Amino acid sequence: MQAGKALIAELQSRGGSLTPKEMAEFVRRLESGAFGFKFSKHNFYRNVLRTFMNMGFIGKAPRLDRATMKTVMVYRPIEQPIPARRPDNPSFWYVAYEICSWWNGLMFSRGGASPAQQQVGGPTSG
């Protein structure tokens, strides 16, 4: 959980995307304990990043590297499509709506505090 929160904070601090080199640098800092805890490279890529990608919260997208004028694949958050009307409670769809709504507010806020200034908690952390 701490590694996932650290990844979200890193994405926010880097403008919403990480190149593979930046991701590797982040993972090296996780391994060294720079965030107050240690997390192995294998566990991060296998458990944290893969889970975010499998659930559709993070994806790889092309981005132009202006220094080299080449296209680079970057890790970036994916905005989740949610309906305007919240589903009835309690149901799977209600929980999915709450999680996706929280994710969109955390990573794609369009007013008020920037995502980097928001607390990295969860849909129930208030």
Protein backbone atom coordinates (compact mmCIF):
# COMPACT_ATOMS: atom_id res chain seq x y z
CA MET A 1 0.00 0.00 0.00
CA GLN A 2 2.84 2.41 0.83
CA ALA A 3 4.52 1.68 -2.52
CA GLY A 4 1.26 2.42 -4.37
CA LYS A 5 0.85 5.72 -2.55
CA ALA A 6 4.48 6.59 -3.30
CA LEU A 7 3.89 5.81 -7.01
CA ILE A 8 0.83 8.09 -7.11
CA ALA A 9 2.78 10.88 -5.41
CA GLU A 10 5.66 10.41 -7.88
CA LEU A 11 3.30 10.59 -10.86
CA GLN A 12 1.78 13.77 -9.48
CA SER A 13 5.15 15.39 -8.81
CA ARG A 14 6.39 14.59 -12.34
CA GLY A 15 3.45 16.12 -14.17
CA GLY A 16 1.41 12.94 -14.56
CA SER A 17 3.80 10.69 -16.47
CA LEU A 18 7.00 8.72 -15.98
CA THR A 19 9.37 7.46 -18.65
CA PRO A 20 10.82 3.98 -18.10
CA LYS A 21 14.09 5.62 -16.95
CA GLU A 22 12.23 7.79 -14.43
CA MET A 23 10.29 4.74 -13.24
CA ALA A 24 13.55 2.79 -12.78
CA GLU A 25 15.00 5.70 -10.80
CA PHE A 26 11.88 5.75 -8.61
CA VAL A 27 12.14 1.99 -8.01
CA ARG A 28 15.82 2.32 -7.05
CA ARG A 29 14.81 4.89 -4.44
CA LEU A 30 12.13 2.46 -3.18
CA GLU A 31 14.75 -0.27 -2.86
CA SER A 32 17.14 2.01 -0.99
CA GLY A 33 14.51 3.05 1.56
CA ALA A 34 14.35 6.74 0.59
CA PHE A 35 10.60 6.82 1.37
CA GLY A 36 10.96 5.48 4.92
CA PHE A 37 10.40 1.86 3.89
CA LYS A 38 12.09 -0.61 1.54
CA PHE A 39 10.37 -2.36 -1.35
CA SER A 40 12.12 -4.65 -3.81
CA LYS A 41 12.19 -3.98 -7.53
CA HIS A 42 10.67 -7.39 -8.31
CA ASN A 43 7.78 -6.88 -5.89
CA PHE A 44 7.08 -3.38 -7.18
CA TYR A 45 6.90 -4.30 -10.85
CA ARG A 46 5.08 -7.60 -10.22
CA ASN A 47 2.61 -6.56 -7.55
CA VAL A 48 2.12 -2.79 -7.57
CA LEU A 49 2.65 -1.57 -11.13
CA ARG A 50 1.13 -4.67 -12.73
CA THR A 51 -1.97 -4.35 -10.53
CA PHE A 52 -2.45 -0.68 -11.44
CA MET A 53 -2.03 -1.55 -15.12
CA ASN A 54 -4.29 -4.63 -15.03
CA MET A 55 -7.03 -2.62 -13.32
CA GLY A 56 -6.73 0.09 -15.96
CA PHE A 57 -5.61 2.89 -13.67
CA ILE A 58 -2.16 3.28 -15.26
CA GLY A 59 -1.25 2.69 -18.90
CA LYS A 60 1.55 3.23 -21.36
CA ALA A 61 1.17 5.99 -23.93
CA PRO A 62 3.49 7.61 -26.48
CA ARG A 63 4.99 11.00 -25.74
CA LEU A 64 7.36 13.10 -27.82
CA ASP A 65 10.75 13.62 -26.18
CA ARG A 66 11.62 17.15 -27.26
CA ALA A 67 15.33 16.71 -26.54
CA THR A 68 15.77 13.79 -28.95
CA MET A 69 12.66 14.40 -31.09
CA LYS A 70 11.73 10.73 -30.68
CA THR A 71 8.59 9.11 -29.38
CA VAL A 72 8.95 7.54 -25.94
CA MET A 73 6.41 5.30 -24.19
CA VAL A 74 5.53 6.69 -20.75
CA TYR A 75 3.55 5.40 -17.79
CA ARG A 76 0.56 7.66 -17.16
CA PRO A 77 -2.71 7.55 -15.23
CA ILE A 78 -5.87 6.78 -17.20
CA GLU A 79 -9.01 8.82 -16.55
CA GLN A 80 -11.87 6.49 -15.67
CA PRO A 81 -15.23 6.95 -17.41
CA ILE A 82 -18.01 7.24 -14.85
CA PRO A 83 -21.73 7.93 -15.30
CA ALA A 84 -23.25 11.24 -14.24
CA ARG A 85 -25.69 9.45 -11.91
CA ARG A 86 -24.23 7.43 -9.04
CA PRO A 87 -25.42 3.79 -8.90
CA ASP A 88 -27.58 2.58 -6.02
CA ASN A 89 -25.85 1.56 -2.80
CA PRO A 90 -24.85 -1.23 -1.96
CA SER A 91 -23.66 -2.88 -5.14
CA PHE A 92 -20.49 -3.69 -7.04
CA TRP A 93 -21.22 -0.82 -9.41
CA TYR A 94 -21.51 1.63 -6.52
CA VAL A 95 -18.10 0.62 -5.17
CA ALA A 96 -16.55 0.77 -8.65
CA TYR A 97 -18.10 4.23 -9.15
CA GLU A 98 -16.67 5.47 -5.83
CA ILE A 99 -13.17 4.15 -6.59
CA CYS A 100 -13.12 5.58 -10.12
CA SER A 101 -14.54 8.89 -8.94
CA TRP A 102 -11.84 9.11 -6.25
CA TRP A 103 -9.12 8.24 -8.81
CA ASN A 104 -10.31 10.89 -11.27
CA GLY A 105 -10.46 13.50 -8.51
CA LEU A 106 -6.97 12.56 -7.30
CA MET A 107 -5.21 12.46 -10.66
CA PHE A 108 -7.29 14.77 -12.88
CA SER A 109 -8.67 17.56 -10.68
CA ARG A 110 -9.57 20.53 -12.83
CA GLY A 111 -9.91 23.17 -10.16
CA GLY A 112 -9.03 23.98 -6.60
CA ALA A 113 -5.97 22.19 -5.28
CA SER A 114 -3.63 20.52 -7.72
CA PRO A 115 -3.32 16.72 -7.53
CA ALA A 116 0.13 17.13 -5.96
CA GLN A 117 -1.43 19.13 -3.10
CA GLN A 118 -4.22 16.63 -2.42
CA GLN A 119 -3.92 13.91 0.19
CA VAL A 120 -3.09 10.45 -1.15
CA GLY A 121 -5.59 8.36 0.80
CA GLY A 122 -8.52 6.46 -0.56
CA PRO A 123 -12.17 6.74 -1.43
CA THR A 124 -13.15 6.35 2.23
CA SER A 125 -10.42 8.49 3.78
CA GLY A 126 -12.65 11.58 3.55
